[in-house]
C-alpha atoms as a PDB file:
ATOM      1  CA  MET A   1     -32.522 -20.345  14.258  1.00  0.00           C
ATOM      2  CA  GLN A   2     -30.560 -20.158  11.017  1.00  0.00           C
ATOM      3  CA  ALA A   3     -27.089 -18.642  11.026  1.00  0.00           C
ATOM      4  CA  TRP A   4     -24.084 -18.566   8.713  1.00  0.00           C
ATOM      5  CA  GLN A   5     -20.960 -19.956  10.344  1.00  0.00           C
ATOM      6  CA  VAL A   6     -17.274 -19.964   9.451  1.00  0.00           C
ATOM      7  CA  HIS A   7     -15.435 -23.049  10.725  1.00  0.00           C
ATOM      8  CA  GLU A   8     -12.173 -22.401   8.849  1.00  0.00           C
ATOM      9  CA  ASN A   9     -10.617 -19.365   7.208  1.00  0.00           C
ATOM     10  CA  GLY A  10     -10.818 -18.840   3.463  1.00  0.00           C
ATOM     11  CA  GLU A  11     -12.874 -17.169   0.765  1.00  0.00           C
ATOM     12  CA  PRO A  12     -16.392 -16.302   2.028  1.00  0.00           C
ATOM     13  CA  GLY A  13     -18.155 -18.232  -0.722  1.00  0.00           C
ATOM     14  CA  GLU A  14     -16.238 -21.367   0.260  1.00  0.00           C
ATOM     15  CA  VAL A  15     -16.109 -21.239   4.072  1.00  0.00           C
ATOM     16  CA  MET A  16     -19.478 -19.707   5.039  1.00  0.00           C
ATOM     17  CA  ARG A  17     -22.032 -22.441   5.780  1.00  0.00           C
ATOM     18  CA  LEU A  18     -25.692 -22.026   6.721  1.00  0.00           C
ATOM     19  CA  ALA A  19     -26.661 -24.038   9.795  1.00  0.00           C
ATOM     20  CA  ASP A  20     -29.497 -24.535  12.263  1.00  0.00           C
ATOM     21  CA  VAL A  21     -28.156 -23.492  15.666  1.00  0.00           C
ATOM     22  CA  ALA A  22     -29.521 -22.450  19.037  1.00  0.00           C
ATOM     23  CA  PRO A  23     -30.046 -18.695  19.509  1.00  0.00           C
ATOM     24  CA  PRO A  24     -27.103 -17.138  21.386  1.00  0.00           C
ATOM     25  CA  THR A  25     -27.485 -16.442  25.101  1.00  0.00           C
ATOM     26  CA  PRO A  26     -26.813 -12.829  26.167  1.00  0.00           C
ATOM     27  CA  GLY A  27     -23.927 -12.292  28.548  1.00  0.00           C
ATOM     28  CA  GLU A  28     -23.659  -9.514  31.104  1.00  0.00           C
ATOM     29  CA  GLY A  29     -24.586  -6.189  29.543  1.00  0.00           C
ATOM     30  CA  GLN A  30     -25.734  -7.806  26.292  1.00  0.00           C
ATOM     31  CA  VAL A  31     -29.122  -8.039  24.583  1.00  0.00           C
ATOM     32  CA  LEU A  32     -30.570 -10.487  22.079  1.00  0.00           C
ATOM     33  CA  LEU A  33     -31.725  -8.783  18.894  1.00  0.00           C
ATOM     34  CA  ARG A  34     -33.918 -10.094  16.128  1.00  0.00           C
ATOM     35  CA  VAL A  35     -32.074  -9.239  12.922  1.00  0.00           C
ATOM     36  CA  ARG A  36     -34.208  -7.119  10.596  1.00  0.00           C
ATOM     37  CA  ALA A  37     -31.365  -6.432   8.136  1.00  0.00           C
ATOM     38  CA  ALA A  38     -27.603  -6.976   8.150  1.00  0.00           C
ATOM     39  CA  ASN A  39     -25.344  -4.806   6.030  1.00  0.00           C
ATOM     40  CA  ILE A  40     -22.358  -6.435   4.315  1.00  0.00           C
ATOM     41  CA  ASN A  41     -18.997  -4.775   4.914  1.00  0.00           C
ATOM     42  CA  PHE A  42     -15.570  -5.533   3.458  1.00  0.00           C
ATOM     43  CA  PRO A  43     -14.300  -6.483   6.969  1.00  0.00           C
ATOM     44  CA  ASP A  44     -16.767  -9.386   6.898  1.00  0.00           C
ATOM     45  CA  ALA A  45     -14.796 -10.851   4.002  1.00  0.00           C
ATOM     46  CA  LEU A  46     -11.475 -10.123   5.693  1.00  0.00           C
ATOM     47  CA  MET A  47     -12.666 -11.911   8.843  1.00  0.00           C
ATOM     48  CA  CYS A  48     -13.628 -14.955   6.798  1.00  0.00           C
ATOM     49  CA  ARG A  49     -10.101 -14.931   5.376  1.00  0.00           C
ATOM     50  CA  GLY A  50      -8.551 -14.436   8.820  1.00  0.00           C
ATOM     51  CA  GLN A  51      -7.008 -11.147   7.648  1.00  0.00           C
ATOM     52  CA  TYR A  52      -8.868  -8.628   9.802  1.00  0.00           C
ATOM     53  CA  GLN A  53      -7.467  -7.028  12.977  1.00  0.00           C
ATOM     54  CA  VAL A  54     -10.378  -8.591  14.864  1.00  0.00           C
ATOM     55  CA  ARG A  55     -10.199 -12.388  14.756  1.00  0.00           C
ATOM     56  CA  PRO A  56     -13.216 -14.010  16.426  1.00  0.00           C
ATOM     57  CA  PRO A  57     -12.797 -17.606  17.573  1.00  0.00           C
ATOM     58  CA  LEU A  58     -13.912 -20.330  15.182  1.00  0.00           C
ATOM     59  CA  PRO A  59     -16.676 -21.056  14.484  1.00  0.00           C
ATOM     60  CA  PHE A  60     -18.153 -17.574  14.194  1.00  0.00           C
ATOM     61  CA  THR A  61     -21.027 -15.855  12.437  1.00  0.00           C
ATOM     62  CA  PRO A  62     -19.927 -12.839  10.331  1.00  0.00           C
ATOM     63  CA  GLY A  63     -21.939  -9.628  10.066  1.00  0.00           C
ATOM     64  CA  VAL A  64     -20.719  -6.541  11.903  1.00  0.00           C
ATOM     65  CA  GLU A  65     -23.586  -4.131  11.276  1.00  0.00           C
ATOM     66  CA  ILE A  66     -27.330  -4.645  11.672  1.00  0.00           C
ATOM     67  CA  CYS A  67     -30.700  -3.068  12.093  1.00  0.00           C
ATOM     68  CA  GLY A  68     -32.300  -5.179  14.790  1.00  0.00           C
ATOM     69  CA  GLU A  69     -35.363  -5.365  16.992  1.00  0.00           C
ATOM     70  CA  THR A  70     -35.292  -5.593  20.785  1.00  0.00           C
ATOM     71  CA  GLU A  71     -37.652  -7.778  22.810  1.00  0.00           C
ATOM     72  CA  GLU A  72     -39.661  -4.606  23.487  1.00  0.00           C
ATOM     73  CA  GLY A  73     -40.052  -4.000  19.748  1.00  0.00           C
ATOM     74  CA  ARG A  74     -37.617  -1.079  19.413  1.00  0.00           C
ATOM     75  CA  ARG A  75     -35.841  -0.773  16.062  1.00  0.00           C
ATOM     76  CA  VAL A  76     -32.115  -0.198  16.692  1.00  0.00           C
ATOM     77  CA  ILE A  77     -28.756  -0.064  14.941  1.00  0.00           C
ATOM     78  CA  ALA A  78     -26.006  -2.208  16.434  1.00  0.00           C
ATOM     79  CA  ASN A  79     -22.610  -3.781  15.925  1.00  0.00           C
ATOM     80  CA  PRO A  80     -23.157  -7.436  16.887  1.00  0.00           C
ATOM     81  CA  ALA A  81     -20.942  -8.941  19.569  1.00  0.00           C
ATOM     82  CA  LEU A  82     -18.806 -11.497  17.764  1.00  0.00           C
ATOM     83  CA  PRO A  83     -18.710 -14.457  17.418  1.00  0.00           C
ATOM     84  CA  HIS A  84     -22.506 -14.036  17.194  1.00  0.00           C
ATOM     85  CA  GLY A  85     -22.645 -11.757  14.134  1.00  0.00           C
ATOM     86  CA  GLY A  86     -25.475 -10.431  12.035  1.00  0.00           C
ATOM     87  CA  PHE A  87     -25.812 -12.983   9.228  1.00  0.00           C
ATOM     88  CA  ALA A  88     -28.357 -14.893  11.286  1.00  0.00           C
ATOM     89  CA  GLU A  89     -31.913 -14.584  12.505  1.00  0.00           C
ATOM     90  CA  TYR A  90     -30.744 -13.400  15.931  1.00  0.00           C
ATOM     91  CA  ALA A  91     -27.576 -11.674  17.143  1.00  0.00           C
ATOM     92  CA  LEU A  92     -26.084 -10.336  20.362  1.00  0.00           C
ATOM     93  CA  ALA A  93     -25.086  -6.711  20.998  1.00  0.00           C
ATOM     94  CA  ASP A  94     -23.818  -4.458  23.774  1.00  0.00           C
ATOM     95  CA  ALA A  95     -26.898  -2.886  25.365  1.00  0.00           C
ATOM     96  CA  ARG A  96     -25.081   0.400  26.040  1.00  0.00           C
ATOM     97  CA  ALA A  97     -24.064   0.830  22.410  1.00  0.00           C
ATOM     98  CA  LEU A  98     -27.511   0.491  20.800  1.00  0.00           C
ATOM     99  CA  LEU A  99     -28.509   3.434  18.619  1.00  0.00           C
ATOM    100  CA  PRO A 100     -32.068   4.302  17.523  1.00  0.00           C
ATOM    101  CA  ALA A 101     -32.785   3.489  13.886  1.00  0.00           C
ATOM    102  CA  PRO A 102     -33.903   6.645  12.040  1.00  0.00           C
ATOM    103  CA  ASP A 103     -37.594   6.643  11.128  1.00  0.00           C
ATOM    104  CA  SER A 104     -36.686   8.123   7.731  1.00  0.00           C
ATOM    105  CA  LEU A 105     -34.839   4.952   6.666  1.00  0.00           C
ATOM    106  CA  ASP A 106     -36.045   1.409   6.061  1.00  0.00           C
ATOM    107  CA  ASP A 107     -34.360  -1.546   7.732  1.00  0.00           C
ATOM    108  CA  ALA A 108     -31.681  -2.137   5.081  1.00  0.00           C
ATOM    109  CA  GLU A 109     -30.877   1.577   4.829  1.00  0.00           C
ATOM    110  CA  ALA A 110     -30.688   1.893   8.613  1.00  0.00           C
ATOM    111  CA  ALA A 111     -28.319  -1.074   8.813  1.00  0.00           C
ATOM    112  CA  ALA A 112     -26.081   0.648   6.253  1.00  0.00           C
ATOM    113  CA  LEU A 113     -26.058   4.018   8.029  1.00  0.00           C
ATOM    114  CA  HIS A 114     -23.664   3.056  10.779  1.00  0.00           C
ATOM    115  CA  ILE A 115     -20.053   2.018  10.070  1.00  0.00           C
ATOM    116  CA  GLY A 116     -19.583   3.546   6.611  1.00  0.00           C
ATOM    117  CA  TYR A 117     -21.239   6.849   7.493  1.00  0.00           C
ATOM    118  CA  GLN A 118     -19.652   7.056  10.932  1.00  0.00           C
ATOM    119  CA  THR A 119     -16.269   6.429   9.292  1.00  0.00           C
ATOM    120  CA  GLY A 120     -16.997   9.097   6.696  1.00  0.00           C
ATOM    121  CA  TRP A 121     -18.161  11.645   9.260  1.00  0.00           C
ATOM    122  CA  PHE A 122     -15.167  11.105  11.552  1.00  0.00           C
ATOM    123  CA  GLY A 123     -12.759  11.045   8.609  1.00  0.00           C
ATOM    124  CA  LEU A 124     -14.042  14.181   6.907  1.00  0.00           C
ATOM    125  CA  HIS A 125     -15.058  16.262   9.911  1.00  0.00           C
ATOM    126  CA  ARG A 126     -13.131  15.047  12.954  1.00  0.00           C
ATOM    127  CA  ARG A 127      -9.832  14.200  11.252  1.00  0.00           C
ATOM    128  CA  ALA A 128      -9.617  16.224   8.009  1.00  0.00           C
ATOM    129  CA  ARG A 129     -11.762  19.214   9.090  1.00  0.00           C
ATOM    130  CA  LEU A 130     -13.336  19.468   5.651  1.00  0.00           C
ATOM    131  CA  GLU A 131     -14.668  22.954   4.935  1.00  0.00           C
ATOM    132  CA  ALA A 132     -17.359  24.186   2.558  1.00  0.00           C
ATOM    133  CA  GLY A 133     -15.844  25.181  -0.762  1.00  0.00           C
ATOM    134  CA  GLU A 134     -12.944  22.727  -0.544  1.00  0.00           C
ATOM    135  CA  THR A 135     -12.376  19.913  -3.036  1.00  0.00           C
ATOM    136  CA  LEU A 136     -12.818  16.344  -1.806  1.00  0.00           C
ATOM    137  CA  LEU A 137     -11.459  13.378  -3.759  1.00  0.00           C
ATOM    138  CA  VAL A 138     -13.041  10.002  -2.935  1.00  0.00           C
ATOM    139  CA  HIS A 139     -11.511   6.740  -4.131  1.00  0.00           C
ATOM    140  CA  ALA A 140     -13.921   3.845  -4.827  1.00  0.00           C
ATOM    141  CA  ALA A 141     -16.690   6.443  -4.858  1.00  0.00           C
ATOM    142  CA  ALA A 142     -19.419   3.993  -5.922  1.00  0.00           C
ATOM    143  CA  GLY A 143     -18.661   1.490  -3.164  1.00  0.00           C
ATOM    144  CA  GLY A 144     -20.223   1.264   0.278  1.00  0.00           C
ATOM    145  CA  VAL A 145     -17.614   3.337   2.129  1.00  0.00           C
ATOM    146  CA  GLY A 146     -16.978   5.703  -0.772  1.00  0.00           C
ATOM    147  CA  SER A 147     -20.644   6.413  -1.480  1.00  0.00           C
ATOM    148  CA  ALA A 148     -21.124   7.513   2.130  1.00  0.00           C
ATOM    149  CA  ALA A 149     -18.155   9.886   1.880  1.00  0.00           C
ATOM    150  CA  VAL A 150     -19.492  11.355  -1.361  1.00  0.00           C
ATOM    151  CA  GLN A 151     -22.860  12.148   0.213  1.00  0.00           C
ATOM    152  CA  LEU A 152     -21.285  13.559   3.375  1.00  0.00           C
ATOM    153  CA  GLY A 153     -18.904  15.681   1.311  1.00  0.00           C
ATOM    154  CA  LYS A 154     -21.740  17.145  -0.721  1.00  0.00           C
ATOM    155  CA  ALA A 155     -23.747  17.785   2.457  1.00  0.00           C
ATOM    156  CA  ALA A 156     -20.733  19.711   3.816  1.00  0.00           C
ATOM    157  CA  GLY A 157     -20.602  21.957   0.754  1.00  0.00           C
ATOM    158  CA  ALA A 158     -17.499  20.460  -0.876  1.00  0.00           C
ATOM    159  CA  THR A 159     -16.831  19.905  -4.561  1.00  0.00           C
ATOM    160  CA  VAL A 160     -16.540  16.123  -4.878  1.00  0.00           C
ATOM    161  CA  ILE A 161     -14.388  14.189  -7.335  1.00  0.00           C
ATOM    162  CA  GLY A 162     -15.134  10.477  -7.429  1.00  0.00           C
ATOM    163  CA  VAL A 163     -12.692   7.864  -8.700  1.00  0.00           C
ATOM    164  CA  VAL A 164     -14.274   4.583  -9.812  1.00  0.00           C
ATOM    165  CA  GLY A 165     -13.456   1.470 -11.805  1.00  0.00           C
ATOM    166  CA  GLY A 166     -15.716   1.029 -14.826  1.00  0.00           C
ATOM    167  CA  SER A 167     -18.585   2.751 -16.621  1.00  0.00           C
ATOM    168  CA  GLU A 168     -21.322   1.184 -14.477  1.00  0.00           C
ATOM    169  CA  LYS A 169     -19.712   2.482 -11.297  1.00  0.00           C
ATOM    170  CA  ALA A 170     -19.161   5.865 -12.967  1.00  0.00           C
ATOM    171  CA  ALA A 171     -22.908   6.154 -13.560  1.00  0.00           C
ATOM    172  CA  VAL A 172     -23.585   5.339  -9.896  1.00  0.00           C
ATOM    173  CA  ALA A 173     -21.068   7.965  -8.759  1.00  0.00           C
ATOM    174  CA  ARG A 174     -22.799  10.601 -10.853  1.00  0.00           C
ATOM    175  CA  GLU A 175     -26.168   9.670  -9.374  1.00  0.00           C
ATOM    176  CA  LEU A 176     -24.649  10.015  -5.898  1.00  0.00           C
ATOM    177  CA  GLY A 177     -23.812  13.631  -6.687  1.00  0.00           C
ATOM    178  CA  CYS A 178     -20.132  13.636  -7.668  1.00  0.00           C
ATOM    179  CA  ASP A 179     -19.260  16.864  -9.471  1.00  0.00           C
ATOM    180  CA  VAL A 180     -16.501  15.097 -11.419  1.00  0.00           C
ATOM    181  CA  VAL A 181     -16.171  11.353 -12.035  1.00  0.00           C
ATOM    182  CA  VAL A 182     -12.897   9.730 -13.085  1.00  0.00           C
ATOM    183  CA  ASP A 183     -12.952   6.176 -14.447  1.00  0.00           C
ATOM    184  CA  ARG A 184      -9.558   4.736 -13.590  1.00  0.00           C
ATOM    185  CA  HIS A 185     -10.064   2.005 -16.196  1.00  0.00           C
ATOM    186  CA  ALA A 186     -10.334   4.533 -19.008  1.00  0.00           C
ATOM    187  CA  GLU A 187      -8.509   7.647 -17.745  1.00  0.00           C
ATOM    188  CA  ASP A 188      -5.252   8.754 -16.177  1.00  0.00           C
ATOM    189  CA  VAL A 189      -6.404   9.559 -12.645  1.00  0.00           C
ATOM    190  CA  VAL A 190      -3.607  12.013 -11.850  1.00  0.00           C
ATOM    191  CA  ALA A 191      -4.020  13.960 -15.110  1.00  0.00           C
ATOM    192  CA  ALA A 192      -7.819  14.019 -14.789  1.00  0.00           C
ATOM    193  CA  VAL A 193      -7.764  15.315 -11.206  1.00  0.00           C
ATOM    194  CA  LYS A 194      -5.201  17.978 -12.005  1.00  0.00           C
ATOM    195  CA  GLU A 195      -7.262  19.102 -14.972  1.00  0.00           C
ATOM    196  CA  ALA A 196     -10.452  19.220 -12.893  1.00  0.00           C
ATOM    197  CA  THR A 197      -8.759  21.322 -10.192  1.00  0.00           C
ATOM    198  CA  GLY A 198      -6.810  23.653 -12.459  1.00  0.00           C
ATOM    199  CA  GLY A 199      -3.578  22.014 -11.333  1.00  0.00           C
ATOM    200  CA  ARG A 200      -4.198  22.754  -7.644  1.00  0.00           C
ATOM    201  CA  GLY A 201      -5.191  19.270  -6.524  1.00  0.00           C
ATOM    202  CA  ALA A 202      -7.648  18.069  -3.878  1.00  0.00           C
ATOM    203  CA  ASP A 203      -7.817  19.554  -0.377  1.00  0.00           C
ATOM    204  CA  VAL A 204      -9.025  16.318   1.212  1.00  0.00           C
ATOM    205  CA  ILE A 205      -8.551  12.804  -0.153  1.00  0.00           C
ATOM    206  CA  TYR A 206     -10.561   9.902   1.256  1.00  0.00           C
ATOM    207  CA  ASP A 207      -8.822   6.598   0.572  1.00  0.00           C
ATOM    208  CA  PRO A 208     -10.328   3.228   1.534  1.00  0.00           C
ATOM    209  CA  VAL A 209      -8.296   1.483  -1.187  1.00  0.00           C
ATOM    210  CA  GLY A 210      -4.560   1.902  -0.567  1.00  0.00           C
ATOM    211  CA  GLY A 211      -2.033   0.582  -3.086  1.00  0.00           C
ATOM    212  CA  GLN A 212      -2.018   2.485  -6.371  1.00  0.00           C
ATOM    213  CA  ALA A 213      -4.825   4.747  -5.168  1.00  0.00           C
ATOM    214  CA  TYR A 214      -2.610   6.085  -2.398  1.00  0.00           C
ATOM    215  CA  ALA A 215       0.249   6.703  -4.849  1.00  0.00           C
ATOM    216  CA  GLN A 216      -2.155   8.730  -6.976  1.00  0.00           C
ATOM    217  CA  SER A 217      -3.361  10.624  -3.908  1.00  0.00           C
ATOM    218  CA  ALA A 218       0.160  11.769  -3.048  1.00  0.00           C
ATOM    219  CA  LYS A 219       0.506  13.188  -6.557  1.00  0.00           C
ATOM    220  CA  VAL A 220      -2.731  15.171  -6.524  1.00  0.00           C
ATOM    221  CA  VAL A 221      -3.030  16.378  -2.930  1.00  0.00           C
ATOM    222  CA  ALA A 222      -3.123  20.182  -2.673  1.00  0.00           C
ATOM    223  CA  PHE A 223      -0.922  22.464  -0.595  1.00  0.00           C
ATOM    224  CA  GLU A 224      -1.922  21.896   3.045  1.00  0.00           C
ATOM    225  CA  GLY A 225      -4.117  19.025   1.865  1.00  0.00           C
ATOM    226  CA  ARG A 226      -5.094  16.030   3.985  1.00  0.00           C
ATOM    227  CA  ILE A 227      -5.047  12.375   2.954  1.00  0.00           C
ATOM    228  CA  VAL A 228      -7.345  10.272   5.132  1.00  0.00           C
ATOM    229  CA  VAL A 229      -6.231   6.623   5.220  1.00  0.00           C
ATOM    230  CA  VAL A 230      -9.370   4.544   5.807  1.00  0.00           C
ATOM    231  CA  GLY A 231      -8.485   1.059   4.605  1.00  0.00           C
ATOM    232  CA  PHE A 232      -6.722  -1.131   2.085  1.00  0.00           C
ATOM    233  CA  ALA A 233      -9.374  -2.772  -0.091  1.00  0.00           C
ATOM    234  CA  SER A 234      -6.755  -3.227  -2.830  1.00  0.00           C
ATOM    235  CA  GLY A 235      -4.910  -5.636  -0.540  1.00  0.00           C
ATOM    236  CA  THR A 236      -1.741  -3.527  -0.688  1.00  0.00           C
ATOM    237  CA  ILE A 237      -0.667  -1.388   2.263  1.00  0.00           C
ATOM    238  CA  PRO A 238       1.371   1.571   0.953  1.00  0.00           C
ATOM    239  CA  SER A 239       4.599   2.838   2.522  1.00  0.00           C
ATOM    240  CA  PRO A 240       4.360   6.645   2.337  1.00  0.00           C
ATOM    241  CA  ALA A 241       7.460   8.697   1.560  1.00  0.00           C
ATOM    242  CA  LEU A 242       7.475  11.088   4.506  1.00  0.00           C
ATOM    243  CA  ASN A 243       9.989  13.361   2.793  1.00  0.00           C
ATOM    244  CA  HIS A 244       7.337  13.901   0.106  1.00  0.00           C
ATOM    245  CA  ALA A 245       4.748  14.889   2.729  1.00  0.00           C
ATOM    246  CA  LEU A 246       7.289  17.329   4.169  1.00  0.00           C
ATOM    247  CA  VAL A 247       8.274  18.922   0.859  1.00  0.00           C
ATOM    248  CA  LYS A 248       4.694  19.210  -0.397  1.00  0.00           C
ATOM    249  CA  ASN A 249       3.262  20.272   2.969  1.00  0.00           C
ATOM    250  CA  TYR A 250       0.378  17.813   3.343  1.00  0.00           C
ATOM    251  CA  ALA A 251      -0.905  15.646   6.166  1.00  0.00           C
ATOM    252  CA  ILE A 252      -1.467  11.887   6.286  1.00  0.00           C
ATOM    253  CA  LEU A 253      -4.271  11.061   8.705  1.00  0.00           C
ATOM    254  CA  GLY A 254      -5.091   7.575   9.914  1.00  0.00           C
ATOM    255  CA  LEU A 255      -8.644   6.658  10.821  1.00  0.00           C
ATOM    256  CA  HIS A 256      -9.686   3.605  12.829  1.00  0.00           C
ATOM    257  CA  TRP A 257     -13.317   4.374  13.608  1.00  0.00           C
ATOM    258  CA  GLY A 258     -13.726   1.435  15.971  1.00  0.00           C
ATOM    259  CA  LEU A 259     -11.380   3.065  18.485  1.00  0.00           C
ATOM    260  CA  TYR A 260     -13.939   5.774  19.186  1.00  0.00           C
ATOM    261  CA  ASN A 261     -16.285   3.128  20.605  1.00  0.00           C
ATOM    262  CA  THR A 262     -13.847   2.600  23.461  1.00  0.00           C
ATOM    263  CA  LYS A 263     -11.875   5.868  23.579  1.00  0.00           C
ATOM    264  CA  ASP A 264     -14.762   8.340  23.255  1.00  0.00           C
ATOM    265  CA  PRO A 265     -18.189   6.671  22.825  1.00  0.00           C
ATOM    266  CA  LYS A 266     -19.984   9.998  23.371  1.00  0.00           C
ATOM    267  CA  LEU A 267     -18.597  11.145  20.029  1.00  0.00           C
ATOM    268  CA  VAL A 268     -20.142   8.095  18.341  1.00  0.00           C
ATOM    269  CA  ARG A 269     -23.571   9.048  19.703  1.00  0.00           C
ATOM    270  CA  HIS A 270     -23.046  12.678  18.699  1.00  0.00           C
ATOM    271  CA  CYS A 271     -22.143  11.532  15.194  1.00  0.00           C
ATOM    272  CA  HIS A 272     -25.266   9.358  15.023  1.00  0.00           C
ATOM    273  CA  GLU A 273     -27.389  12.365  15.957  1.00  0.00           C
ATOM    274  CA  GLN A 274     -25.787  14.331  13.126  1.00  0.00           C
ATOM    275  CA  LEU A 275     -26.334  11.484  10.657  1.00  0.00           C
ATOM    276  CA  THR A 276     -29.960  11.040  11.751  1.00  0.00           C
ATOM    277  CA  GLU A 277     -30.592  14.730  11.159  1.00  0.00           C
ATOM    278  CA  LEU A 278     -28.954  14.609   7.722  1.00  0.00           C
ATOM    279  CA  ALA A 279     -31.023  11.537   6.813  1.00  0.00           C
ATOM    280  CA  ALA A 280     -34.244  13.192   8.022  1.00  0.00           C
ATOM    281  CA  ARG A 281     -33.767  16.113   5.648  1.00  0.00           C
ATOM    282  CA  GLY A 282     -32.687  13.905   2.766  1.00  0.00           C
ATOM    283  CA  ALA A 283     -29.082  15.106   2.630  1.00  0.00           C
ATOM    284  CA  ILE A 284     -27.824  11.518   2.949  1.00  0.00           C
ATOM    285  CA  LYS A 285     -29.445   8.196   2.119  1.00  0.00           C
ATOM    286  CA  PRO A 286     -27.527   4.910   2.082  1.00  0.00           C
ATOM    287  CA  LEU A 287     -27.325   3.448  -1.401  1.00  0.00           C
ATOM    288  CA  VAL A 288     -28.647  -0.078  -0.898  1.00  0.00           C
ATOM    289  CA  SER A 289     -28.158  -1.591  -4.331  1.00  0.00           C
ATOM    290  CA  GLU A 290     -29.447  -5.027  -3.412  1.00  0.00           C
ATOM    291  CA  ARG A 291     -31.388  -6.798  -0.677  1.00  0.00           C
ATOM    292  CA  VAL A 292     -30.671 -10.522  -0.534  1.00  0.00           C
ATOM    293  CA  PRO A 293     -32.328 -13.295   1.512  1.00  0.00           C
ATOM    294  CA  LEU A 294     -30.377 -14.962   4.298  1.00  0.00           C
ATOM    295  CA  ALA A 295     -29.821 -18.033   2.101  1.00  0.00           C
ATOM    296  CA  ASP A 296     -27.796 -15.942  -0.393  1.00  0.00           C
ATOM    297  CA  ALA A 297     -25.524 -14.221   2.137  1.00  0.00           C
ATOM    298  CA  ALA A 298     -22.334 -16.161   1.342  1.00  0.00           C
ATOM    299  CA  ASP A 299     -22.525 -15.333  -2.360  1.00  0.00           C
ATOM    300  CA  ALA A 300     -23.224 -11.685  -1.546  1.00  0.00           C
ATOM    301  CA  VAL A 301     -20.236 -11.430   0.809  1.00  0.00           C
ATOM    302  CA  GLN A 302     -18.038 -12.989  -1.878  1.00  0.00           C
ATOM    303  CA  ARG A 303     -19.191 -10.419  -4.441  1.00  0.00           C
ATOM    304  CA  VAL A 304     -18.347  -7.605  -2.030  1.00  0.00           C
ATOM    305  CA  ALA A 305     -14.948  -9.210  -1.430  1.00  0.00           C
ATOM    306  CA  ASP A 306     -14.330  -9.344  -5.181  1.00  0.00           C
ATOM    307  CA  GLY A 307     -15.278  -5.687  -5.714  1.00  0.00           C
ATOM    308  CA  ARG A 308     -18.190  -6.609  -7.979  1.00  0.00           C
ATOM    309  CA  THR A 309     -20.814  -4.487  -6.230  1.00  0.00           C
ATOM    310  CA  THR A 310     -21.902  -0.879  -5.917  1.00  0.00           C
ATOM    311  CA  GLY A 311     -23.273   0.805  -2.826  1.00  0.00           C
ATOM    312  CA  ARG A 312     -24.354  -1.567  -0.082  1.00  0.00           C
ATOM    313  CA  LEU A 313     -25.721  -5.105  -0.094  1.00  0.00           C
ATOM    314  CA  ALA A 314     -28.051  -5.981   2.774  1.00  0.00           C
ATOM    315  CA  VAL A 315     -29.024  -9.425   4.027  1.00  0.00           C
ATOM    316  CA  VAL A 316     -32.689  -9.511   5.026  1.00  0.00           C
ATOM    317  CA  PRO A 317     -34.150 -12.613   6.741  1.00  0.00           C
ATOM    318  CA  GLU A 318     -37.000 -13.974   4.658  1.00  0.00           C
ATOM    319  CA  ASN A 319     -39.556 -13.884   7.465  1.00  0.00           C
ATOM    320  CA  LEU A 320     -39.362 -10.096   7.825  1.00  0.00           C
ATOM    321  CA  ASP A 321     -40.747  -7.206   5.838  1.00  0.00           C
ATOM    322  CA  LYS A 322     -37.896  -6.233   3.518  1.00  0.00           C
ATOM    323  CA  GLY A 323     -38.721  -2.581   3.151  1.00  0.00           C
ATOM    324  CA  ALA A 324     -40.939  -0.821   5.623  1.00  0.00           C
ATOM    325  CA  ALA A 325     -39.554   1.231   8.452  1.00  0.00           C
ATOM    326  CA  ALA A 326     -41.089   0.857  11.868  1.00  0.00           C
END
């Protein structure tokens, strides 16, 4: 089979190499899945660089989220068992963790439903307890993680403010349903958010960016607001001033979604049921901006790493139908 492999750490476009390798052999409790579509996530780039908390042994195949097909022909969503990741024709996964792919979504959309939407659901509902009528601020609202949070926020009845970088991403954020869009390249984010909220600020802030975005969040979070720390795509990990959180009466909530897979896997399945229901009634639909063949995966991962994409990019092996759901 064909698979992308990383033999040394570095930029994805430089260290990912396509090779002909033997299909991986399932270990105890694992299954072999035919990859129907693999979604590209920012952690894939971090793993290539050797900067992610999970560091698979070299060489490894990136790709942490797929829609795959079992030997019995079932269409499933899975997190591949590294080092045998999803940017390949076949991948391994934990048999107990397989989730049914929603019939309402095609392969690429199903592959993109998992990590970003699970993270959004846990962040907004489990951690921040977002309520209908509240104001939600989403940083990087046109990106893969942000776009999921925007849709989930709207589905929950919140007013959503999306912060983006550039006019193209602003247009995407509006199409996603943001009530207010702030282009950080052209506007003062703090002033714009305060104006949009009548000076009150945002009740819940969803931050996958860190760095300057977090500094802005602390300035616009409302009384009894909640800042959900999801990641640090900016490359800068902020050091919050806890005296500021005390004086302003807001909460800083960390979210590491992967922990739920080991600490409380039943919640992951419950979340998937909720997401499947939302997808079935059209309340959420992963924004797959591009479907690329397996041969173009390295370039696509590099573009995600560089922040030059909107929504989700999906890698679809050439020998499979690129659109139809099972």
